[in-house]
Protein backbone atom coordinates (compact mmCIF):
# COMPACT_ATOMS: atom_id res chain seq x y z
CA MET A 1 87.49 93.39 83.76
CA ASP A 2 89.77 96.30 83.03
CA ASP A 3 93.50 96.33 83.71
CA CYS A 4 94.22 98.86 86.50
CA ALA A 5 97.05 100.59 84.63
CA LYS A 6 94.88 100.96 81.51
CA PHE A 7 92.09 102.40 83.65
CA VAL A 8 94.47 104.96 85.23
CA GLU A 9 95.93 105.90 81.82
CA ARG A 10 92.40 106.47 80.50
CA GLU A 11 91.49 108.61 83.53
CA ILE A 12 94.62 110.72 82.96
CA ARG A 13 93.69 111.24 79.27
CA ARG A 14 90.17 112.28 80.34
CA GLY A 15 91.56 114.72 82.90
CA HIS A 16 89.80 113.01 85.82
CA LYS A 17 91.28 113.62 89.27
CA TYR A 18 90.72 111.84 92.58
CA ASP A 19 90.95 113.11 96.14
CA ALA A 20 92.06 109.74 97.52
CA ILE A 21 93.73 106.60 96.26
CA ILE A 22 93.58 103.21 97.96
CA MET A 23 95.73 100.47 96.43
CA ASP A 24 95.95 96.80 97.27
CA PRO A 25 98.10 95.46 94.43
CA PRO A 26 98.68 91.72 94.04
CA SER A 27 102.07 90.14 94.60
CA TYR A 28 101.83 88.35 91.28
CA GLY A 29 99.35 88.05 88.46
CA ARG A 30 98.79 87.36 84.77
CA GLY A 31 96.72 89.44 82.37
CA PRO A 32 94.41 88.04 79.70
CA GLY A 33 97.15 88.47 77.08
CA GLY A 34 99.76 86.65 79.17
CA GLU A 35 101.21 89.85 80.69
CA VAL A 36 102.96 89.23 83.98
CA TRP A 37 102.57 91.49 87.02
CA LYS A 38 105.23 91.16 89.72
CA LEU A 39 104.95 93.57 92.61
CA GLU A 40 108.70 94.06 92.94
CA ASP A 41 109.01 94.85 89.21
CA ASN A 42 105.85 96.89 88.61
CA LEU A 43 104.92 98.73 91.81
CA TRP A 44 107.09 101.85 91.30
CA ASP A 45 105.77 102.47 87.78
CA PHE A 46 102.16 101.83 88.80
CA VAL A 47 102.32 104.16 91.83
CA SER A 48 104.00 106.83 89.65
CA LEU A 49 101.21 106.46 87.10
CA CYS A 50 98.55 106.78 89.82
CA SER A 51 100.10 110.05 91.02
CA GLY A 52 98.84 111.49 87.72
CA VAL A 53 95.19 111.18 88.81
CA LEU A 54 95.67 112.61 92.30
CA SER A 55 94.01 116.03 92.74
CA ASP A 56 95.89 119.06 94.03
CA ASP A 57 93.74 118.93 97.19
CA ALA A 58 94.08 115.19 97.74
CA LEU A 59 93.11 113.79 101.12
CA PHE A 60 95.26 110.66 101.28
CA VAL A 61 97.02 107.79 99.55
CA LEU A 62 97.07 104.28 101.00
CA ILE A 63 99.09 101.40 99.63
CA ASN A 64 98.43 98.01 101.16
CA SER A 65 100.39 94.87 100.32
CA TYR A 66 100.16 91.35 101.62
CA THR A 67 103.50 90.44 100.04
CA THR A 68 105.48 89.08 102.98
CA GLY A 69 108.88 89.88 101.42
CA LEU A 70 108.05 93.57 100.95
CA ALA A 71 109.55 95.61 103.77
CA PRO A 72 107.66 98.66 105.04
CA SER A 73 110.76 100.73 104.24
CA VAL A 74 110.24 99.97 100.52
CA LEU A 75 106.69 101.35 100.62
CA SER A 76 107.92 104.33 102.63
CA TYR A 77 110.60 105.03 100.02
CA ILE A 78 108.02 104.83 97.22
CA THR A 79 105.44 107.06 98.94
CA ASP A 80 108.06 109.59 100.08
CA SER A 81 109.66 109.74 96.61
CA ILE A 82 106.49 109.89 94.55
CA PHE A 83 104.01 111.74 96.77
CA THR A 84 105.73 113.48 99.69
CA ALA A 85 108.65 114.90 97.67
CA ARG A 86 106.24 116.36 95.11
CA ARG A 87 103.41 117.51 97.41
CA GLY A 88 104.91 117.99 100.86
CA GLY A 89 103.70 116.40 104.07
CA SER A 90 104.94 113.06 105.23
CA SER A 91 104.14 109.40 105.00
CA ARG A 92 104.33 106.41 107.27
CA ALA A 93 104.78 102.71 106.56
CA GLU A 94 104.20 99.81 108.91
CA GLU A 95 104.28 96.04 108.89
CA LEU A 96 100.96 94.22 108.67
CA GLY A 97 100.50 91.24 110.92
CA LEU A 98 98.02 88.72 112.20
CA PRO A 99 97.96 88.08 115.95
CA VAL A 100 98.41 84.45 116.96
CA THR A 101 96.18 83.82 119.95
CA GLN A 102 98.03 80.79 121.31
CA SER A 103 101.50 82.35 121.39
CA GLY A 104 100.69 86.05 121.61
CA LEU A 105 103.10 86.66 118.72
CA VAL A 106 102.30 88.38 115.44
CA LEU A 107 102.61 86.61 112.10
CA PRO A 108 104.03 89.06 109.52
CA CYS A 109 101.92 89.24 106.37
CA GLY A 110 102.85 92.39 104.46
CA ALA A 111 103.17 96.15 104.73
CA SER A 112 101.06 99.27 104.49
CA ALA A 113 101.97 102.92 103.79
CA HIS A 114 99.85 106.06 104.12
CA SER A 115 100.13 109.81 104.23
CA GLU A 116 100.12 111.36 107.68
CA ALA A 117 96.77 112.44 109.08
CA GLY A 118 98.34 115.28 111.09
CA TRP A 119 99.61 116.94 107.93
CA MET A 120 96.16 116.66 106.37
CA LYS A 121 94.49 118.22 109.43
CA GLY A 122 97.04 121.05 109.32
CA ALA A 123 96.13 121.55 105.65
CA GLY A 124 92.50 122.11 106.70
CA LYS A 125 91.14 118.66 105.78
CA LYS A 126 88.52 116.79 107.80
CA VAL A 127 90.21 113.87 109.57
CA ILE A 128 88.41 111.04 111.34
CA VAL A 129 89.76 107.91 112.99
CA TYR A 130 88.19 104.48 112.87
CA ARG A 131 89.48 102.61 115.90
CA ASN A 132 87.69 99.35 116.56
CA ARG A 133 89.88 98.37 119.50
CA PRO A 134 89.22 99.88 122.92
CA GLN A 135 92.45 101.52 123.93
CA ARG A 136 93.60 104.97 124.88
CA PRO A 137 93.87 107.10 121.72
CA GLU A 138 97.08 108.87 120.77
CA LEU A 139 97.27 112.51 121.85
CA MET A 140 97.13 113.74 118.23
CA TYR A 141 93.71 112.10 117.78
CA LYS A 142 92.25 114.84 119.99
CA LEU A 143 92.93 117.30 117.15
CA PHE A 144 90.84 115.33 114.67
CA ASP A 145 87.16 115.66 113.85
CA GLY A 146 86.08 112.39 115.43
CA ILE A 147 87.13 108.97 116.70
CA PHE A 148 84.66 106.24 115.82
CA PRO A 149 84.50 102.69 117.24
CA THR A 150 82.38 101.13 114.47
CA ALA A 151 82.16 101.28 110.68
CA ALA A 152 78.48 102.26 111.07
CA ASP A 153 79.54 105.33 113.09
CA VAL A 154 82.00 106.32 110.33
CA ALA A 155 79.29 105.88 107.67
CA ARG A 156 76.85 107.99 109.71
CA PHE A 157 79.44 110.78 110.12
CA LEU A 158 80.25 110.77 106.40
CA LYS A 159 76.57 110.86 105.44
CA GLU A 160 75.92 113.81 107.76
CA PHE A 161 79.03 115.58 106.47
CA ASP A 162 77.95 115.07 102.84
CA GLU A 163 74.41 116.32 103.55
CA MET A 164 75.72 119.34 105.44
CA ASN A 165 78.00 120.25 102.52
CA ASN A 166 75.46 119.45 99.79
CA HIS A 167 77.53 116.58 98.41
CA ALA A 168 75.90 113.64 96.69
CA VAL A 169 75.41 110.85 99.20
CA VAL A 170 76.15 107.41 97.80
């Protein structure tokens, strides 16, 4: 298994670019050579490195973390500093949580940050929403290219979009 940072460094050397980045870095880990990964020590450098493989026409960046001590404001600071300041647009960070049925409360379990879909739509990108909970959609969703209640509906839309634009369907 390849180390993520080594993979990204190799992609940068090869000149490969990506239109989207999804990250779910661990809170803590050890490499085969005894290297130590600590989210609070390594996240900034890793996200900065990953910005080197993001294409000029990138669609989005998503950073997900189940590290309970990591505040959403930290991810917001990182995404705003590394991506938004360099490329424009905006980002948003929120707390992740698991609903507790018995109490109705939410158990905090991390944070997530992403670029804003409205900015992407304004930049001429296709934007779709996967919303698996029946509730009234936000007003901005009406501007997007589709709201889908199931993963199968999203997959179907993406397949049709790829075929219509002569992209390779995987």
